[in-house]
Amino acid sequence: MTLYTCTQLAELLGISRSTVRALTRAGEFGETVNVARRHLVTEEGLAAFVAAHTGPAYNREARAPAQNRRRHVNPGPI
């Protein structure tokens, strides 16, 4: 079982250590392991966090066709 520190998670996820601490306190990584007053995140907790916060990539072609999108139409003189 791999355990991750706050600094390691910050580097892996590309976010600040304070954000990792806030997410850990909020329970976003699931149950933590306390070792010498440090809250360490398990590999399963990290995997669950990543799975919950990732989704399909943005695909411009997957948008609605142009005829279904509303466009601004000039109403003419008022």
Protein backbone atom coordinates (compact mmCIF):
# COMPACT_ATOMS: atom_id res chain seq x y z
CA MET A 1 0.00 0.00 0.00
CA THR A 2 1.48 3.30 -1.10
CA LEU A 3 0.98 6.36 1.13
CA TYR A 4 1.29 9.92 -0.18
CA THR A 5 2.25 13.03 1.75
CA CYS A 6 0.75 16.44 1.15
CA THR A 7 3.83 17.56 -0.79
CA GLN A 8 3.81 14.47 -3.01
CA LEU A 9 0.12 14.91 -3.82
CA ALA A 10 0.64 18.58 -4.62
CA GLU A 11 3.36 17.68 -7.13
CA LEU A 12 1.35 14.83 -8.68
CA LEU A 13 -1.85 16.86 -9.07
CA GLY A 14 -0.22 20.18 -9.93
CA ILE A 15 -1.94 22.10 -7.12
CA SER A 16 -0.67 23.83 -3.99
CA ARG A 17 -0.02 22.11 -0.68
CA SER A 18 -2.64 24.26 1.03
CA THR A 19 -5.24 23.07 -1.49
CA VAL A 20 -4.25 19.46 -0.83
CA ARG A 21 -4.62 20.06 2.92
CA ALA A 22 -8.06 21.59 2.42
CA LEU A 23 -9.16 18.67 0.23
CA THR A 24 -7.85 16.19 2.78
CA ARG A 25 -9.73 17.92 5.61
CA ALA A 26 -12.89 17.89 3.49
CA GLY A 27 -12.56 14.13 3.02
CA GLU A 28 -12.04 14.26 -0.75
CA PHE A 29 -9.32 11.59 -0.54
CA GLY A 30 -11.34 9.29 1.70
CA GLU A 31 -9.90 7.88 4.90
CA THR A 32 -6.34 8.93 5.70
CA VAL A 33 -3.66 7.14 7.70
CA ASN A 34 -2.18 9.01 10.65
CA VAL A 35 1.56 8.50 11.07
CA ALA A 36 3.42 10.77 13.50
CA ARG A 37 0.62 13.38 13.38
CA ARG A 38 0.71 13.46 9.56
CA HIS A 39 -2.32 12.54 7.51
CA LEU A 40 -1.18 10.33 4.65
CA VAL A 41 -3.42 9.51 1.70
CA THR A 42 -3.66 5.95 0.45
CA GLU A 43 -3.26 4.91 -3.16
CA GLU A 44 -6.94 3.92 -3.25
CA GLY A 45 -7.96 7.34 -1.93
CA LEU A 46 -5.95 9.08 -4.64
CA ALA A 47 -7.42 6.83 -7.34
CA ALA A 48 -10.96 7.55 -6.11
CA PHE A 49 -10.26 11.30 -6.09
CA VAL A 50 -8.90 11.25 -9.64
CA ALA A 51 -11.82 9.15 -10.88
CA ALA A 52 -14.35 11.49 -9.25
CA HIS A 53 -12.76 14.66 -10.65
CA THR A 54 -11.99 13.67 -14.22
CA GLY A 55 -14.29 13.30 -17.13
CA PRO A 56 -14.28 13.05 -20.88
CA ALA A 57 -12.06 15.47 -22.73
CA TYR A 58 -13.62 18.51 -24.38
CA ASN A 59 -14.44 17.82 -28.01
CA ARG A 60 -15.40 20.76 -30.19
CA GLU A 61 -17.04 18.51 -32.80
CA ALA A 62 -19.32 16.98 -30.16
CA ARG A 63 -21.19 20.29 -29.74
CA ALA A 64 -24.70 20.74 -31.08
CA PRO A 65 -24.96 21.42 -34.82
CA ALA A 66 -24.97 25.06 -35.86
CA GLN A 67 -28.65 25.08 -36.85
CA ASN A 68 -29.64 24.17 -33.27
CA ARG A 69 -27.69 27.01 -31.69
CA ARG A 70 -29.39 30.35 -31.26
CA ARG A 71 -27.71 33.27 -32.95
CA HIS A 72 -28.31 36.95 -32.54
CA VAL A 73 -30.63 38.24 -35.25
CA ASN A 74 -30.86 41.95 -35.92
CA PRO A 75 -34.54 42.90 -35.45
CA GLY A 76 -34.15 45.93 -37.70
CA PRO A 77 -35.18 49.49 -36.82
CA ILE A 78 -37.19 49.82 -33.67
